[in-house]
Every structure is written in C-alpha cells, then in structure tokens.
All heavy atoms as atom14 arrays in JSON, in Angstrom:
{
  "sequence": "DRGDWFAGIDARVGGVLRRAAGEERFRAKLGQTLIVH",
  "atom14_mask": [
    [1, 1, 1, 1, 1, 1, 1, 1, 0, 0, 0, 0, 0, 0],
    [1, 1, 1, 1, 1, 1, 1, 1, 1, 1, 1, 0, 0, 0],
    [1, 1, 1, 1, 0, 0, 0, 0, 0, 0, 0, 0, 0, 0],
    [1, 1, 1, 1, 1, 1, 1, 1, 0, 0, 0, 0, 0, 0],
    [1, 1, 1, 1, 1, 1, 1, 1, 1, 1, 1, 1, 1, 1],
    [1, 1, 1, 1, 1, 1, 1, 1, 1, 1, 1, 0, 0, 0],
    [1, 1, 1, 1, 1, 0, 0, 0, 0, 0, 0, 0, 0, 0],
    [1, 1, 1, 1, 0, 0, 0, 0, 0, 0, 0, 0, 0, 0],
    [1, 1, 1, 1, 1, 1, 1, 1, 0, 0, 0, 0, 0, 0],
    [1, 1, 1, 1, 1, 1, 1, 1, 0, 0, 0, 0, 0, 0],
    [1, 1, 1, 1, 1, 0, 0, 0, 0, 0, 0, 0, 0, 0],
    [1, 1, 1, 1, 1, 1, 1, 1, 1, 1, 1, 0, 0, 0],
    [1, 1, 1, 1, 1, 1, 1, 0, 0, 0, 0, 0, 0, 0],
    [1, 1, 1, 1, 0, 0, 0, 0, 0, 0, 0, 0, 0, 0],
    [1, 1, 1, 1, 0, 0, 0, 0, 0, 0, 0, 0, 0, 0],
    [1, 1, 1, 1, 1, 1, 1, 0, 0, 0, 0, 0, 0, 0],
    [1, 1, 1, 1, 1, 1, 1, 1, 0, 0, 0, 0, 0, 0],
    [1, 1, 1, 1, 1, 1, 1, 1, 1, 1, 1, 0, 0, 0],
    [1, 1, 1, 1, 1, 1, 1, 1, 1, 1, 1, 0, 0, 0],
    [1, 1, 1, 1, 1, 0, 0, 0, 0, 0, 0, 0, 0, 0],
    [1, 1, 1, 1, 1, 0, 0, 0, 0, 0, 0, 0, 0, 0],
    [1, 1, 1, 1, 0, 0, 0, 0, 0, 0, 0, 0, 0, 0],
    [1, 1, 1, 1, 1, 1, 1, 1, 1, 0, 0, 0, 0, 0],
    [1, 1, 1, 1, 1, 1, 1, 1, 1, 0, 0, 0, 0, 0],
    [1, 1, 1, 1, 1, 1, 1, 1, 1, 1, 1, 0, 0, 0],
    [1, 1, 1, 1, 1, 1, 1, 1, 1, 1, 1, 0, 0, 0],
    [1, 1, 1, 1, 1, 1, 1, 1, 1, 1, 1, 0, 0, 0],
    [1, 1, 1, 1, 1, 0, 0, 0, 0, 0, 0, 0, 0, 0],
    [1, 1, 1, 1, 1, 1, 1, 1, 1, 0, 0, 0, 0, 0],
    [1, 1, 1, 1, 1, 1, 1, 1, 0, 0, 0, 0, 0, 0],
    [1, 1, 1, 1, 0, 0, 0, 0, 0, 0, 0, 0, 0, 0],
    [1, 1, 1, 1, 1, 1, 1, 1, 1, 0, 0, 0, 0, 0],
    [1, 1, 1, 1, 1, 1, 1, 0, 0, 0, 0, 0, 0, 0],
    [1, 1, 1, 1, 1, 1, 1, 1, 0, 0, 0, 0, 0, 0],
    [1, 1, 1, 1, 1, 1, 1, 1, 0, 0, 0, 0, 0, 0],
    [1, 1, 1, 1, 1, 1, 1, 0, 0, 0, 0, 0, 0, 0],
    [1, 1, 1, 1, 1, 1, 1, 1, 1, 1, 0, 0, 0, 0]
  ],
  "atom14_positions": [
    [[6.05, -5.46, 1.76], [7.18, -5.32, 2.68], [8.46, -4.88, 2.0], [9.16, -4.02, 2.49], [7.44, -6.64, 3.41], [6.26, -7.07, 4.25], [5.55, -6.18, 4.75], [6.04, -8.28, 4.38], [0.0, 0.0, 0.0], [0.0, 0.0, 0.0], [0.0, 0.0, 0.0], [0.0, 0.0, 0.0], [0.0, 0.0, 0.0], [0.0, 0.0, 0.0]],
    [[8.75, -5.46, 0.84], [10.06, -5.24, 0.25], [10.04, -5.02, -1.26], [11.06, -5.13, -1.91], [10.98, -6.38, 0.6], [10.49, -7.74, 0.17], [11.35, -8.85, 0.73], [10.85, -10.15, 0.36], [9.84, -10.76, 0.96], [9.22, -10.21, 1.95], [9.45, -11.96, 0.55], [0.0, 0.0, 0.0], [0.0, 0.0, 0.0], [0.0, 0.0, 0.0]],
    [[8.91, -4.69, -1.82], [8.84, -4.51, -3.27], [9.29, -3.12, -3.7], [8.77, -2.11, -3.23], [0.0, 0.0, 0.0], [0.0, 0.0, 0.0], [0.0, 0.0, 0.0], [0.0, 0.0, 0.0], [0.0, 0.0, 0.0], [0.0, 0.0, 0.0], [0.0, 0.0, 0.0], [0.0, 0.0, 0.0], [0.0, 0.0, 0.0], [0.0, 0.0, 0.0]],
    [[10.3, -3.06, -4.58], [10.81, -1.78, -5.07], [9.76, -1.04, -5.91], [9.65, 0.17, -5.84], [12.07, -1.99, -5.91], [13.22, -2.52, -5.08], [13.24, -2.27, -3.86], [14.12, -3.17, -5.66], [0.0, 0.0, 0.0], [0.0, 0.0, 0.0], [0.0, 0.0, 0.0], [0.0, 0.0, 0.0], [0.0, 0.0, 0.0], [0.0, 0.0, 0.0]],
    [[9.01, -1.79, -6.71], [7.98, -1.2, -7.57], [6.93, -0.5, -6.71], [6.59, 0.66, -6.95], [7.36, -2.32, -8.41], [6.15, -1.92, -9.16], [6.11, -1.18, -10.32], [4.79, -2.23, -8.83], [4.8, -1.02, -10.7], [3.97, -1.65, -9.83], [4.18, -2.94, -7.81], [2.58, -1.77, -9.82], [2.81, -3.06, -7.8], [2.03, -2.47, -8.8]],
    [[6.43, -1.17, -5.73], [5.41, -0.6, -4.84], [6.0, 0.54, -4.03], [5.36, 1.57, -3.82], [4.83, -1.68, -3.93], [3.73, -1.19, -3.04], [2.5, -0.84, -3.56], [3.93, -1.08, -1.67], [1.48, -0.39, -2.74], [2.92, -0.63, -0.84], [1.69, -0.28, -1.38], [0.0, 0.0, 0.0], [0.0, 0.0, 0.0], [0.0, 0.0, 0.0]],
    [[7.22, 0.4, -3.56], [7.87, 1.44, -2.77], [8.05, 2.72, -3.58], [7.89, 3.82, -3.04], [9.22, 0.95, -2.26], [0.0, 0.0, 0.0], [0.0, 0.0, 0.0], [0.0, 0.0, 0.0], [0.0, 0.0, 0.0], [0.0, 0.0, 0.0], [0.0, 0.0, 0.0], [0.0, 0.0, 0.0], [0.0, 0.0, 0.0], [0.0, 0.0, 0.0]],
    [[8.34, 2.59, -4.88], [8.49, 3.76, -5.72], [7.21, 4.55, -5.87], [7.19, 5.78, -5.79], [0.0, 0.0, 0.0], [0.0, 0.0, 0.0], [0.0, 0.0, 0.0], [0.0, 0.0, 0.0], [0.0, 0.0, 0.0], [0.0, 0.0, 0.0], [0.0, 0.0, 0.0], [0.0, 0.0, 0.0], [0.0, 0.0, 0.0], [0.0, 0.0, 0.0]],
    [[6.11, 3.85, -6.09], [4.81, 4.52, -6.22], [4.39, 5.09, -4.87], [3.87, 6.22, -4.79], [3.76, 3.56, -6.8], [4.12, 3.18, -8.23], [2.37, 4.19, -6.76], [3.26, 2.13, -8.85], [0.0, 0.0, 0.0], [0.0, 0.0, 0.0], [0.0, 0.0, 0.0], [0.0, 0.0, 0.0], [0.0, 0.0, 0.0], [0.0, 0.0, 0.0]],
    [[4.63, 4.35, -3.81], [4.28, 4.83, -2.47], [5.06, 6.1, -2.13], [4.51, 7.03, -1.53], [4.55, 3.74, -1.45], [4.04, 4.07, -0.07], [2.93, 4.65, 0.03], [4.74, 3.77, 0.91], [0.0, 0.0, 0.0], [0.0, 0.0, 0.0], [0.0, 0.0, 0.0], [0.0, 0.0, 0.0], [0.0, 0.0, 0.0], [0.0, 0.0, 0.0]],
    [[6.33, 6.17, -2.53], [7.14, 7.36, -2.27], [6.58, 8.57, -3.01], [6.6, 9.69, -2.49], [8.58, 7.11, -2.67], [0.0, 0.0, 0.0], [0.0, 0.0, 0.0], [0.0, 0.0, 0.0], [0.0, 0.0, 0.0], [0.0, 0.0, 0.0], [0.0, 0.0, 0.0], [0.0, 0.0, 0.0], [0.0, 0.0, 0.0], [0.0, 0.0, 0.0]],
    [[6.06, 8.37, -4.21], [5.5, 9.48, -4.99], [4.26, 10.07, -4.34], [3.94, 11.23, -4.56], [5.15, 9.03, -6.41], [6.38, 8.99, -7.27], [6.11, 9.0, -8.72], [5.35, 10.12, -9.22], [4.9, 10.17, -10.46], [5.14, 9.18, -11.28], [4.21, 11.2, -10.88], [0.0, 0.0, 0.0], [0.0, 0.0, 0.0], [0.0, 0.0, 0.0]],
    [[3.54, 9.29, -3.58], [2.33, 9.79, -2.92], [2.56, 10.06, -1.43], [1.6, 10.16, -0.67], [1.13, 8.84, -3.14], [0.79, 8.74, -4.6], [1.41, 7.46, -2.56], [0.0, 0.0, 0.0], [0.0, 0.0, 0.0], [0.0, 0.0, 0.0], [0.0, 0.0, 0.0], [0.0, 0.0, 0.0], [0.0, 0.0, 0.0], [0.0, 0.0, 0.0]],
    [[3.81, 10.15, -1.02], [4.12, 10.52, 0.35], [3.98, 9.43, 1.39], [3.77, 9.71, 2.56], [0.0, 0.0, 0.0], [0.0, 0.0, 0.0], [0.0, 0.0, 0.0], [0.0, 0.0, 0.0], [0.0, 0.0, 0.0], [0.0, 0.0, 0.0], [0.0, 0.0, 0.0], [0.0, 0.0, 0.0], [0.0, 0.0, 0.0], [0.0, 0.0, 0.0]],
    [[4.07, 8.17, 0.99], [3.98, 7.06, 1.94], [2.58, 6.72, 2.4], [2.4, 5.96, 3.34], [0.0, 0.0, 0.0], [0.0, 0.0, 0.0], [0.0, 0.0, 0.0], [0.0, 0.0, 0.0], [0.0, 0.0, 0.0], [0.0, 0.0, 0.0], [0.0, 0.0, 0.0], [0.0, 0.0, 0.0], [0.0, 0.0, 0.0], [0.0, 0.0, 0.0]],
    [[1.59, 7.26, 1.73], [0.2, 7.05, 2.13], [-0.24, 5.61, 1.92], [-1.01, 5.07, 2.72], [-0.72, 8.01, 1.33], [-2.18, 7.73, 1.6], [-0.38, 9.44, 1.65], [0.0, 0.0, 0.0], [0.0, 0.0, 0.0], [0.0, 0.0, 0.0], [0.0, 0.0, 0.0], [0.0, 0.0, 0.0], [0.0, 0.0, 0.0], [0.0, 0.0, 0.0]],
    [[0.25, 4.95, 0.87], [-0.22, 3.6, 0.55], [0.17, 2.59, 1.62], [-0.68, 1.82, 2.08], [0.3, 3.17, -0.81], [-0.14, 4.02, -2.0], [0.5, 3.52, -3.28], [-1.65, 4.02, -2.12], [0.0, 0.0, 0.0], [0.0, 0.0, 0.0], [0.0, 0.0, 0.0], [0.0, 0.0, 0.0], [0.0, 0.0, 0.0], [0.0, 0.0, 0.0]],
    [[1.44, 2.59, 2.02], [1.87, 1.64, 3.05], [1.2, 1.94, 4.38], [0.83, 1.03, 5.11], [3.39, 1.65, 3.19], [4.06, 0.83, 2.15], [5.37, 0.27, 2.65], [5.87, -0.69, 1.7], [7.01, -0.59, 1.04], [7.79, 0.44, 1.24], [7.37, -1.52, 0.2], [0.0, 0.0, 0.0], [0.0, 0.0, 0.0], [0.0, 0.0, 0.0]],
    [[1.07, 3.21, 4.69], [0.43, 3.58, 5.96], [-1.03, 3.13, 5.98], [-1.49, 2.52, 6.94], [0.54, 5.09, 6.18], [0.04, 5.52, 7.54], [0.32, 6.98, 7.87], [-0.23, 7.88, 6.87], [0.5, 8.69, 6.09], [1.82, 8.67, 6.19], [-0.06, 9.49, 5.22], [0.0, 0.0, 0.0], [0.0, 0.0, 0.0], [0.0, 0.0, 0.0]],
    [[-1.75, 3.37, 4.88], [-3.16, 2.96, 4.8], [-3.27, 1.44, 4.82], [-4.18, 0.89, 5.45], [-3.81, 3.51, 3.55], [0.0, 0.0, 0.0], [0.0, 0.0, 0.0], [0.0, 0.0, 0.0], [0.0, 0.0, 0.0], [0.0, 0.0, 0.0], [0.0, 0.0, 0.0], [0.0, 0.0, 0.0], [0.0, 0.0, 0.0], [0.0, 0.0, 0.0]],
    [[-2.37, 0.75, 4.13], [-2.4, -0.71, 4.13], [-2.21, -1.26, 5.54], [-2.88, -2.21, 5.93], [-1.33, -1.27, 3.19], [0.0, 0.0, 0.0], [0.0, 0.0, 0.0], [0.0, 0.0, 0.0], [0.0, 0.0, 0.0], [0.0, 0.0, 0.0], [0.0, 0.0, 0.0], [0.0, 0.0, 0.0], [0.0, 0.0, 0.0], [0.0, 0.0, 0.0]],
    [[-1.33, -0.66, 6.31], [-1.11, -1.09, 7.68], [-2.31, -0.8, 8.57], [-2.73, -1.66, 9.35], [0.0, 0.0, 0.0], [0.0, 0.0, 0.0], [0.0, 0.0, 0.0], [0.0, 0.0, 0.0], [0.0, 0.0, 0.0], [0.0, 0.0, 0.0], [0.0, 0.0, 0.0], [0.0, 0.0, 0.0], [0.0, 0.0, 0.0], [0.0, 0.0, 0.0]],
    [[-2.87, 0.4, 8.42], [-4.01, 0.78, 9.26], [-5.25, -0.04, 8.95], [-6.04, -0.35, 9.85], [-4.32, 2.27, 9.07], [-3.27, 3.17, 9.67], [-3.48, 4.63, 9.32], [-4.45, 4.95, 8.59], [-2.66, 5.46, 9.75], [0.0, 0.0, 0.0], [0.0, 0.0, 0.0], [0.0, 0.0, 0.0], [0.0, 0.0, 0.0], [0.0, 0.0, 0.0]],
    [[-5.45, -0.37, 7.69], [-6.65, -1.11, 7.28], [-6.44, -2.62, 7.23], [-7.31, -3.36, 6.79], [-7.12, -0.62, 5.9], [-7.52, 0.84, 5.87], [-8.71, 1.14, 6.75], [-9.62, 0.28, 6.83], [-8.74, 2.22, 7.35], [0.0, 0.0, 0.0], [0.0, 0.0, 0.0], [0.0, 0.0, 0.0], [0.0, 0.0, 0.0], [0.0, 0.0, 0.0]],
    [[-5.26, -3.07, 7.64], [-4.92, -4.5, 7.65], [-5.01, -5.13, 6.26], [-5.48, -6.26, 6.1], [-5.78, -5.25, 8.65], [-5.52, -4.84, 10.06], [-6.25, -5.73, 11.04], [-5.97, -5.28, 12.38], [-6.91, -4.87, 13.23], [-8.17, -4.88, 12.86], [-6.59, -4.47, 14.43], [0.0, 0.0, 0.0], [0.0, 0.0, 0.0], [0.0, 0.0, 0.0]],
    [[-4.57, -4.38, 5.26], [-4.52, -4.9, 3.9], [-3.3, -5.8, 3.8], [-2.17, -5.36, 4.02], [-4.43, -3.74, 2.89], [-4.33, -4.21, 1.47], [-5.46, -4.58, 0.76], [-3.1, -4.28, 0.84], [-5.37, -5.01, -0.55], [-3.0, -4.7, -0.48], [-4.14, -5.07, -1.17], [0.0, 0.0, 0.0], [0.0, 0.0, 0.0], [0.0, 0.0, 0.0]],
    [[-3.5, -7.06, 3.47], [-2.41, -8.04, 3.41], [-2.18, -8.6, 2.01], [-1.47, -9.57, 1.85], [-2.69, -9.19, 4.38], [-2.82, -8.76, 5.82], [-1.46, -8.33, 6.38], [-1.61, -7.82, 7.73], [-1.38, -6.56, 8.08], [-1.01, -5.67, 7.19], [-1.52, -6.18, 9.33], [0.0, 0.0, 0.0], [0.0, 0.0, 0.0], [0.0, 0.0, 0.0]],
    [[-2.81, -8.02, 1.02], [-2.66, -8.43, -0.39], [-3.16, -9.85, -0.64], [-2.66, -10.55, -1.5], [-1.23, -8.26, -0.88], [0.0, 0.0, 0.0], [0.0, 0.0, 0.0], [0.0, 0.0, 0.0], [0.0, 0.0, 0.0], [0.0, 0.0, 0.0], [0.0, 0.0, 0.0], [0.0, 0.0, 0.0], [0.0, 0.0, 0.0], [0.0, 0.0, 0.0]],
    [[-4.13, -10.27, 0.11], [-4.75, -11.57, -0.15], [-5.48, -11.49, -1.49], [-5.91, -10.43, -1.91], [-5.74, -11.91, 0.97], [-5.13, -11.89, 2.34], [-5.03, -13.27, 2.9], [-4.49, -13.23, 4.3], [-3.11, -13.62, 4.38], [0.0, 0.0, 0.0], [0.0, 0.0, 0.0], [0.0, 0.0, 0.0], [0.0, 0.0, 0.0], [0.0, 0.0, 0.0]],
    [[-5.64, -12.59, -2.14], [-6.24, -12.63, -3.48], [-7.62, -11.98, -3.48], [-8.52, -12.39, -2.75], [-6.34, -14.06, -3.98], [-6.88, -14.23, -5.4], [-5.99, -13.53, -6.4], [-7.0, -15.71, -5.75], [0.0, 0.0, 0.0], [0.0, 0.0, 0.0], [0.0, 0.0, 0.0], [0.0, 0.0, 0.0], [0.0, 0.0, 0.0], [0.0, 0.0, 0.0]],
    [[-7.78, -10.93, -4.27], [-9.04, -10.24, -4.41], [-9.33, -9.18, -3.36], [-10.28, -8.43, -3.48], [0.0, 0.0, 0.0], [0.0, 0.0, 0.0], [0.0, 0.0, 0.0], [0.0, 0.0, 0.0], [0.0, 0.0, 0.0], [0.0, 0.0, 0.0], [0.0, 0.0, 0.0], [0.0, 0.0, 0.0], [0.0, 0.0, 0.0], [0.0, 0.0, 0.0]],
    [[-8.5, -9.09, -2.33], [-8.7, -8.07, -1.29], [-8.45, -6.69, -1.88], [-7.53, -6.5, -2.67], [-7.74, -8.33, -0.13], [-7.91, -7.41, 1.06], [-6.91, -7.7, 2.16], [-5.93, -8.42, 1.97], [-7.16, -7.13, 3.33], [0.0, 0.0, 0.0], [0.0, 0.0, 0.0], [0.0, 0.0, 0.0], [0.0, 0.0, 0.0], [0.0, 0.0, 0.0]],
    [[-9.26, -5.7, -1.51], [-9.12, -4.36, -2.07], [-9.03, -3.3, -0.98], [-9.51, -3.48, 0.13], [-10.31, -4.01, -2.99], [-11.52, -4.05, -2.23], [-10.4, -4.95, -4.16], [0.0, 0.0, 0.0], [0.0, 0.0, 0.0], [0.0, 0.0, 0.0], [0.0, 0.0, 0.0], [0.0, 0.0, 0.0], [0.0, 0.0, 0.0], [0.0, 0.0, 0.0]],
    [[-8.42, -2.19, -1.35], [-8.29, -1.02, -0.48], [-8.22, 0.21, -1.38], [-7.43, 0.24, -2.32], [-7.03, -1.11, 0.38], [-6.68, 0.11, 1.22], [-7.72, 0.33, 2.31], [-5.29, -0.04, 1.81], [0.0, 0.0, 0.0], [0.0, 0.0, 0.0], [0.0, 0.0, 0.0], [0.0, 0.0, 0.0], [0.0, 0.0, 0.0], [0.0, 0.0, 0.0]],
    [[-9.04, 1.22, -1.11], [-9.04, 2.46, -1.89], [-8.47, 3.57, -1.03], [-8.87, 3.75, 0.12], [-10.46, 2.83, -2.36], [-11.03, 1.72, -3.22], [-10.44, 4.15, -3.13], [-12.48, 1.91, -3.58], [0.0, 0.0, 0.0], [0.0, 0.0, 0.0], [0.0, 0.0, 0.0], [0.0, 0.0, 0.0], [0.0, 0.0, 0.0], [0.0, 0.0, 0.0]],
    [[-7.52, 4.32, -1.62], [-6.84, 5.39, -0.9], [-6.9, 6.66, -1.76], [-6.64, 6.6, -2.96], [-5.36, 5.02, -0.63], [-4.65, 6.13, 0.11], [-5.26, 3.7, 0.12], [0.0, 0.0, 0.0], [0.0, 0.0, 0.0], [0.0, 0.0, 0.0], [0.0, 0.0, 0.0], [0.0, 0.0, 0.0], [0.0, 0.0, 0.0], [0.0, 0.0, 0.0]],
    [[-7.24, 7.78, -1.15], [-7.19, 9.07, -1.84], [-5.79, 9.63, -1.67], [-5.25, 9.65, -0.57], [-8.23, 10.03, -1.25], [-9.63, 9.62, -1.56], [-10.3, 10.08, -2.66], [-10.47, 8.75, -0.96], [-11.5, 9.54, -2.7], [-11.63, 8.72, -1.67], [0.0, 0.0, 0.0], [0.0, 0.0, 0.0], [0.0, 0.0, 0.0], [0.0, 0.0, 0.0]]
  ]
}
C-alpha cells in the first residue's frame, strides 16, 4: 500500500506489479507467491 521501495520498482515496470497483486488478490501473506512477466 505505502512502501516507497516497492513503489519505485513498480514504477519502473509500468505499474504492473501493483495491478497484478490486486487482480490476483496477493496480500503478502507469509510464503504467498505471485509471478508477473
């Protein structure tokens, strides 16, 4: 939601990471994984 580190990497890939995390219901629970091209 508010991490600058994650937001910086997400910005470099065009916002794909946050969008995919929302669509796939990735909530960063311990050990949960999501792969994005």
